[in-house]
Amino acid sequence: MGKKISNQYNMYEAKTKLSEIVKRVSEGENVILMNRGKPVAEVIPFENKKTKRKLGFAKDIELLEDFDGIPEGFEDYA
């Protein structure tokens, strides 16, 4: 049998060690799931792409008095 790479788990092993796999992935490691010796899936860390909102980002923006008015020529669409 070949050398086992530490970030690879066969399906049975993955089922019994799910908590360990999730912990490793949450620490930034990619884990490969194997079925009959062949890679079938890769578990990767979730990237939260949400950025924090910055307060005051629109402080220099001025709204015109008729900002919500219907532009000329668009009366039929309102």
Protein backbone atom coordinates (compact mmCIF):
# COMPACT_ATOMS: atom_id res chain seq x y z
CA MET A 1 0.00 0.00 0.00
CA GLY A 2 1.27 3.51 -0.85
CA LYS A 3 2.25 6.17 1.62
CA LYS A 4 -0.77 7.95 3.11
CA ILE A 5 -0.71 11.70 2.65
CA SER A 6 -1.85 13.42 5.85
CA ASN A 7 -4.56 15.53 4.21
CA GLN A 8 -6.29 12.60 2.47
CA TYR A 9 -9.06 10.45 3.95
CA ASN A 10 -10.85 7.46 2.48
CA MET A 11 -14.65 7.56 2.75
CA TYR A 12 -14.94 5.31 5.81
CA GLU A 13 -12.20 7.22 7.60
CA ALA A 14 -13.84 10.55 6.66
CA LYS A 15 -17.16 9.43 8.19
CA THR A 16 -15.50 8.44 11.45
CA LYS A 17 -13.21 11.49 11.62
CA LEU A 18 -15.51 14.26 10.36
CA SER A 19 -14.84 16.49 13.39
CA GLU A 20 -11.08 16.19 12.86
CA ILE A 21 -11.46 17.03 9.16
CA VAL A 22 -13.61 20.08 9.89
CA LYS A 23 -11.09 21.28 12.49
CA ARG A 24 -8.19 20.93 10.04
CA VAL A 25 -10.10 22.75 7.31
CA SER A 26 -11.14 25.53 9.71
CA GLU A 27 -7.44 26.01 10.46
CA GLY A 28 -6.81 26.65 6.76
CA GLU A 29 -5.88 23.21 5.45
CA ASN A 30 -7.41 21.63 2.34
CA VAL A 31 -8.50 18.01 2.78
CA ILE A 32 -9.00 15.49 -0.03
CA LEU A 33 -11.64 12.76 0.21
CA MET A 34 -10.78 9.51 -1.56
CA ASN A 35 -12.96 6.69 -2.84
CA ARG A 36 -11.16 3.43 -3.65
CA GLY A 37 -7.85 5.25 -3.80
CA LYS A 38 -9.01 7.98 -6.14
CA PRO A 39 -9.67 11.60 -5.14
CA VAL A 40 -13.37 12.48 -5.40
CA ALA A 41 -13.73 15.71 -3.43
CA GLU A 42 -11.76 18.46 -1.81
CA VAL A 43 -12.89 20.15 1.39
CA ILE A 44 -11.60 23.73 1.52
CA PRO A 45 -11.96 26.54 4.06
CA PHE A 46 -15.02 28.73 3.65
CA GLU A 47 -14.13 32.32 2.85
CA ASN A 48 -16.55 34.84 4.22
CA LYS A 49 -16.43 37.46 1.48
CA LYS A 50 -18.66 39.82 3.37
CA THR A 51 -16.82 43.01 4.13
CA LYS A 52 -17.57 45.20 7.07
CA ARG A 53 -19.53 48.29 6.23
CA LYS A 54 -17.67 51.50 6.74
CA LEU A 55 -19.63 54.21 8.46
CA GLY A 56 -19.55 57.60 6.85
CA PHE A 57 -18.66 56.40 3.36
CA ALA A 58 -21.43 58.57 1.85
CA LYS A 59 -20.88 61.68 3.93
CA ASP A 60 -19.96 63.86 0.93
CA ILE A 61 -22.87 62.77 -1.26
CA GLU A 62 -25.64 65.31 -1.81
CA LEU A 63 -29.11 64.34 -3.00
CA LEU A 64 -30.85 66.64 -5.45
CA GLU A 65 -34.33 67.85 -4.55
CA ASP A 66 -35.87 65.80 -7.35
CA PHE A 67 -33.67 62.71 -6.96
CA ASP A 68 -36.75 60.48 -7.02
CA GLY A 69 -38.53 62.33 -9.82
CA ILE A 70 -39.35 60.82 -13.19
CA PRO A 71 -36.81 61.87 -15.84
CA GLU A 72 -38.12 63.68 -18.87
CA GLY A 73 -39.30 61.24 -21.54
CA PHE A 74 -39.86 58.37 -19.09
CA GLU A 75 -43.39 59.28 -17.99
CA ASP A 76 -44.85 56.28 -19.85
CA TYR A 77 -42.73 53.86 -17.79
CA ALA A 78 -43.75 55.12 -14.36
